[in-house]
Amino acid sequence: MQTLRSKHLIAFFVAFLLALGVARAATLEQASALLEAGHLTQADHVIAQVLADQPHSAQAHYLDARLLAAEGKWPLAEQELERARRLDPTLRFGPQDQVQALANEVLKHQWKNPSGLAGYGQAALAGLFVLISGYLVFGVMRNRRQPPKA
């Protein structure tokens, strides 16, 4: 009796895992279909859910990179594409011409990245800080050299 109950429990558990795997695959397919159809908002929600469920899925990160590229968020698309490549260097799940086209687009926009200008802004602020500090130090030194007024 106990053995029969154990077998039923194991069979139920295996069926549950298989159903979970099918649901996840369907979710990735659903995200891909939404992305292909241009429904970016819905695709964003589905991809976010897939990434929450499967944070180590190269395919989910690749789909997120495609979505971010479609939205023009190139720095984020580059990050997601790199995550996907770290998880699966071949990206064998996607058509290689599509993968290469995305990589080329990300590379092309890498140099147009407006966040890259942040480095120039930080350098300008640092230069301004040095100039103001120098002016203050020079003023203090100049006041020390002058005799006190009576």
C-alpha atoms as a PDB file:
ATOM      1  CA  MET A   1       0.000   0.000   0.000  1.00  0.00           C
ATOM      2  CA  GLN A   2       2.774   2.380   0.985  1.00  0.00           C
ATOM      3  CA  THR A   3       4.706   1.587  -2.206  1.00  0.00           C
ATOM      4  CA  LEU A   4       1.655   2.281  -4.370  1.00  0.00           C
ATOM      5  CA  ARG A   5       1.114   5.623  -2.616  1.00  0.00           C
ATOM      6  CA  SER A   6       4.792   6.509  -3.136  1.00  0.00           C
ATOM      7  CA  LYS A   7       4.557   5.667  -6.828  1.00  0.00           C
ATOM      8  CA  HIS A   8       1.479   7.870  -7.208  1.00  0.00           C
ATOM      9  CA  LEU A   9       3.224  10.706  -5.409  1.00  0.00           C
ATOM     10  CA  ILE A  10       6.306  10.372  -7.627  1.00  0.00           C
ATOM     11  CA  ALA A  11       4.138  10.210 -10.766  1.00  0.00           C
ATOM     12  CA  PHE A  12       2.262  13.337  -9.657  1.00  0.00           C
ATOM     13  CA  PHE A  13       5.529  15.158  -8.963  1.00  0.00           C
ATOM     14  CA  VAL A  14       6.972  14.209 -12.381  1.00  0.00           C
ATOM     15  CA  ALA A  15       3.756  15.320 -14.107  1.00  0.00           C
ATOM     16  CA  PHE A  16       3.901  18.611 -12.216  1.00  0.00           C
ATOM     17  CA  LEU A  17       7.501  19.229 -13.286  1.00  0.00           C
ATOM     18  CA  LEU A  18       6.689  18.415 -16.906  1.00  0.00           C
ATOM     19  CA  ALA A  19       3.702  20.767 -16.843  1.00  0.00           C
ATOM     20  CA  LEU A  20       5.856  23.482 -15.317  1.00  0.00           C
ATOM     21  CA  GLY A  21       8.447  23.017 -18.058  1.00  0.00           C
ATOM     22  CA  VAL A  22       5.779  23.257 -20.782  1.00  0.00           C
ATOM     23  CA  ALA A  23       4.350  26.397 -19.188  1.00  0.00           C
ATOM     24  CA  ARG A  24       7.764  28.023 -19.125  1.00  0.00           C
ATOM     25  CA  ALA A  25       8.480  27.117 -22.740  1.00  0.00           C
ATOM     26  CA  ALA A  26       5.094  28.510 -23.747  1.00  0.00           C
ATOM     27  CA  THR A  27       5.864  31.718 -21.868  1.00  0.00           C
ATOM     28  CA  LEU A  28       9.129  32.166 -23.767  1.00  0.00           C
ATOM     29  CA  GLU A  29       7.279  31.461 -27.013  1.00  0.00           C
ATOM     30  CA  GLN A  30       4.577  33.915 -25.996  1.00  0.00           C
ATOM     31  CA  ALA A  31       7.182  36.601 -25.272  1.00  0.00           C
ATOM     32  CA  SER A  32       8.839  35.970 -28.618  1.00  0.00           C
ATOM     33  CA  ALA A  33       5.507  36.121 -30.461  1.00  0.00           C
ATOM     34  CA  LEU A  34       4.552  39.378 -28.742  1.00  0.00           C
ATOM     35  CA  LEU A  35       7.932  40.848 -29.587  1.00  0.00           C
ATOM     36  CA  GLU A  36       7.634  39.788 -33.228  1.00  0.00           C
ATOM     37  CA  ALA A  37       4.132  41.276 -33.404  1.00  0.00           C
ATOM     38  CA  GLY A  38       5.412  44.592 -32.040  1.00  0.00           C
ATOM     39  CA  HIS A  39       3.438  44.463 -28.795  1.00  0.00           C
ATOM     40  CA  LEU A  40       6.344  45.780 -26.755  1.00  0.00           C
ATOM     41  CA  THR A  41       4.470  46.579 -23.549  1.00  0.00           C
ATOM     42  CA  GLN A  42       2.946  43.128 -23.315  1.00  0.00           C
ATOM     43  CA  ALA A  43       6.255  41.521 -24.300  1.00  0.00           C
ATOM     44  CA  ASP A  44       7.960  43.508 -21.541  1.00  0.00           C
ATOM     45  CA  HIS A  45       5.559  42.119 -18.920  1.00  0.00           C
ATOM     46  CA  VAL A  46       5.937  38.537 -20.125  1.00  0.00           C
ATOM     47  CA  ILE A  47       9.736  38.770 -20.345  1.00  0.00           C
ATOM     48  CA  ALA A  48       9.907  40.267 -16.857  1.00  0.00           C
ATOM     49  CA  GLN A  49       7.864  37.347 -15.563  1.00  0.00           C
ATOM     50  CA  VAL A  50      10.037  34.818 -17.387  1.00  0.00           C
ATOM     51  CA  LEU A  51      13.212  36.438 -16.031  1.00  0.00           C
ATOM     52  CA  ALA A  52      11.779  36.359 -12.517  1.00  0.00           C
ATOM     53  CA  ASP A  53      11.022  32.645 -12.915  1.00  0.00           C
ATOM     54  CA  GLN A  54      14.187  31.774 -14.853  1.00  0.00           C
ATOM     55  CA  PRO A  55      16.965  34.272 -14.055  1.00  0.00           C
ATOM     56  CA  HIS A  56      19.590  31.972 -15.597  1.00  0.00           C
ATOM     57  CA  SER A  57      17.815  31.543 -18.940  1.00  0.00           C
ATOM     58  CA  ALA A  58      20.021  32.759 -21.779  1.00  0.00           C
ATOM     59  CA  GLN A  59      17.006  32.797 -24.085  1.00  0.00           C
ATOM     60  CA  ALA A  60      15.043  35.059 -21.714  1.00  0.00           C
ATOM     61  CA  HIS A  61      17.957  37.512 -21.492  1.00  0.00           C
ATOM     62  CA  TYR A  62      18.325  37.419 -25.277  1.00  0.00           C
ATOM     63  CA  LEU A  63      14.617  38.207 -25.717  1.00  0.00           C
ATOM     64  CA  ASP A  64      15.009  41.045 -23.210  1.00  0.00           C
ATOM     65  CA  ALA A  65      17.959  42.376 -25.232  1.00  0.00           C
ATOM     66  CA  ARG A  66      15.810  42.313 -28.382  1.00  0.00           C
ATOM     67  CA  LEU A  67      12.994  44.103 -26.567  1.00  0.00           C
ATOM     68  CA  LEU A  68      15.306  46.780 -25.171  1.00  0.00           C
ATOM     69  CA  ALA A  69      16.835  47.293 -28.611  1.00  0.00           C
ATOM     70  CA  ALA A  70      13.362  47.690 -30.105  1.00  0.00           C
ATOM     71  CA  GLU A  71      12.656  50.331 -27.444  1.00  0.00           C
ATOM     72  CA  GLY A  72      15.933  52.106 -28.254  1.00  0.00           C
ATOM     73  CA  LYS A  73      17.450  51.383 -24.854  1.00  0.00           C
ATOM     74  CA  TRP A  74      20.817  50.414 -26.298  1.00  0.00           C
ATOM     75  CA  PRO A  75      23.009  50.361 -23.157  1.00  0.00           C
ATOM     76  CA  LEU A  76      20.519  48.049 -21.428  1.00  0.00           C
ATOM     77  CA  ALA A  77      20.195  45.917 -24.570  1.00  0.00           C
ATOM     78  CA  GLU A  78      23.971  45.540 -24.609  1.00  0.00           C
ATOM     79  CA  GLN A  79      23.977  44.418 -20.958  1.00  0.00           C
ATOM     80  CA  GLU A  80      21.241  41.843 -21.540  1.00  0.00           C
ATOM     81  CA  LEU A  81      22.956  40.505 -24.664  1.00  0.00           C
ATOM     82  CA  GLU A  82      26.168  40.090 -22.674  1.00  0.00           C
ATOM     83  CA  ARG A  83      24.272  38.255 -19.903  1.00  0.00           C
ATOM     84  CA  ALA A  84      22.762  35.932 -22.487  1.00  0.00           C
ATOM     85  CA  ARG A  85      26.212  35.252 -23.965  1.00  0.00           C
ATOM     86  CA  ARG A  86      27.699  34.536 -20.545  1.00  0.00           C
ATOM     87  CA  LEU A  87      24.959  31.984 -19.930  1.00  0.00           C
ATOM     88  CA  ASP A  88      25.150  30.445 -23.432  1.00  0.00           C
ATOM     89  CA  PRO A  89      28.107  31.671 -25.532  1.00  0.00           C
ATOM     90  CA  THR A  90      26.690  30.154 -28.731  1.00  0.00           C
ATOM     91  CA  LEU A  91      23.140  31.541 -28.356  1.00  0.00           C
ATOM     92  CA  ARG A  92      22.123  28.457 -30.341  1.00  0.00           C
ATOM     93  CA  PHE A  93      18.403  28.922 -29.612  1.00  0.00           C
ATOM     94  CA  GLY A  94      18.147  31.970 -31.877  1.00  0.00           C
ATOM     95  CA  PRO A  95      18.648  32.271 -35.630  1.00  0.00           C
ATOM     96  CA  GLN A  96      22.317  33.147 -36.014  1.00  0.00           C
ATOM     97  CA  ASP A  97      21.638  35.896 -38.563  1.00  0.00           C
ATOM     98  CA  GLN A  98      19.184  37.520 -36.124  1.00  0.00           C
ATOM     99  CA  VAL A  99      21.662  37.193 -33.237  1.00  0.00           C
ATOM    100  CA  GLN A 100      24.444  38.728 -35.339  1.00  0.00           C
ATOM    101  CA  ALA A 101      22.176  41.553 -36.537  1.00  0.00           C
ATOM    102  CA  LEU A 102      21.293  42.401 -32.929  1.00  0.00           C
ATOM    103  CA  ALA A 103      24.959  42.324 -31.915  1.00  0.00           C
ATOM    104  CA  ASN A 104      25.839  44.630 -34.825  1.00  0.00           C
ATOM    105  CA  GLU A 105      23.071  47.078 -33.924  1.00  0.00           C
ATOM    106  CA  VAL A 106      24.156  47.136 -30.284  1.00  0.00           C
ATOM    107  CA  LEU A 107      27.753  47.760 -31.355  1.00  0.00           C
ATOM    108  CA  LYS A 108      26.686  50.515 -33.754  1.00  0.00           C
ATOM    109  CA  HIS A 109      24.735  52.297 -31.025  1.00  0.00           C
ATOM    110  CA  GLN A 110      27.439  51.781 -28.425  1.00  0.00           C
ATOM    111  CA  TRP A 111      29.253  54.863 -29.711  1.00  0.00           C
ATOM    112  CA  LYS A 112      26.057  56.925 -29.793  1.00  0.00           C
ATOM    113  CA  ASN A 113      25.277  56.099 -26.187  1.00  0.00           C
ATOM    114  CA  PRO A 114      24.144  59.285 -24.422  1.00  0.00           C
ATOM    115  CA  SER A 115      25.111  57.793 -21.085  1.00  0.00           C
ATOM    116  CA  GLY A 116      28.677  57.750 -22.412  1.00  0.00           C
ATOM    117  CA  LEU A 117      28.572  61.522 -22.153  1.00  0.00           C
ATOM    118  CA  ALA A 118      28.264  61.157 -18.401  1.00  0.00           C
ATOM    119  CA  GLY A 119      32.001  60.540 -18.311  1.00  0.00           C
ATOM    120  CA  TYR A 120      32.579  63.945 -19.906  1.00  0.00           C
ATOM    121  CA  GLY A 121      30.250  65.590 -17.414  1.00  0.00           C
ATOM    122  CA  GLN A 122      32.111  64.002 -14.524  1.00  0.00           C
ATOM    123  CA  ALA A 123      35.428  65.143 -15.992  1.00  0.00           C
ATOM    124  CA  ALA A 124      34.069  68.687 -16.376  1.00  0.00           C
ATOM    125  CA  LEU A 125      32.899  68.705 -12.752  1.00  0.00           C
ATOM    126  CA  ALA A 126      36.279  67.428 -11.594  1.00  0.00           C
ATOM    127  CA  GLY A 127      38.026  70.146 -13.600  1.00  0.00           C
ATOM    128  CA  LEU A 128      35.718  72.781 -12.149  1.00  0.00           C
ATOM    129  CA  PHE A 129      36.416  71.471  -8.641  1.00  0.00           C
ATOM    130  CA  VAL A 130      40.171  71.752  -9.254  1.00  0.00           C
ATOM    131  CA  LEU A 131      39.833  75.316 -10.564  1.00  0.00           C
ATOM    132  CA  ILE A 132      37.704  76.459  -7.626  1.00  0.00           C
ATOM    133  CA  SER A 133      40.017  74.756  -5.131  1.00  0.00           C
ATOM    134  CA  GLY A 134      43.035  76.372  -6.752  1.00  0.00           C
ATOM    135  CA  TYR A 135      41.376  79.792  -6.662  1.00  0.00           C
ATOM    136  CA  LEU A 136      40.533  79.397  -2.970  1.00  0.00           C
ATOM    137  CA  VAL A 137      44.021  78.182  -2.058  1.00  0.00           C
ATOM    138  CA  PHE A 138      45.574  81.039  -4.064  1.00  0.00           C
ATOM    139  CA  GLY A 139      43.311  83.542  -2.279  1.00  0.00           C
ATOM    140  CA  VAL A 140      44.252  82.183   1.154  1.00  0.00           C
ATOM    141  CA  MET A 141      47.971  82.289   0.320  1.00  0.00           C
ATOM    142  CA  ARG A 142      47.699  85.814  -1.065  1.00  0.00           C
ATOM    143  CA  ASN A 143      45.922  87.071   2.069  1.00  0.00           C
ATOM    144  CA  ARG A 144      48.622  85.574   4.299  1.00  0.00           C
ATOM    145  CA  ARG A 145      51.357  87.494   2.482  1.00  0.00           C
ATOM    146  CA  GLN A 146      49.718  90.898   2.875  1.00  0.00           C
ATOM    147  CA  PRO A 147      50.419  92.714   6.119  1.00  0.00           C
ATOM    148  CA  PRO A 148      47.406  93.194   8.351  1.00  0.00           C
ATOM    149  CA  LYS A 149      45.590  96.487   7.907  1.00  0.00           C
ATOM    150  CA  ALA A 150      45.694  98.803  10.881  1.00  0.00           C
END
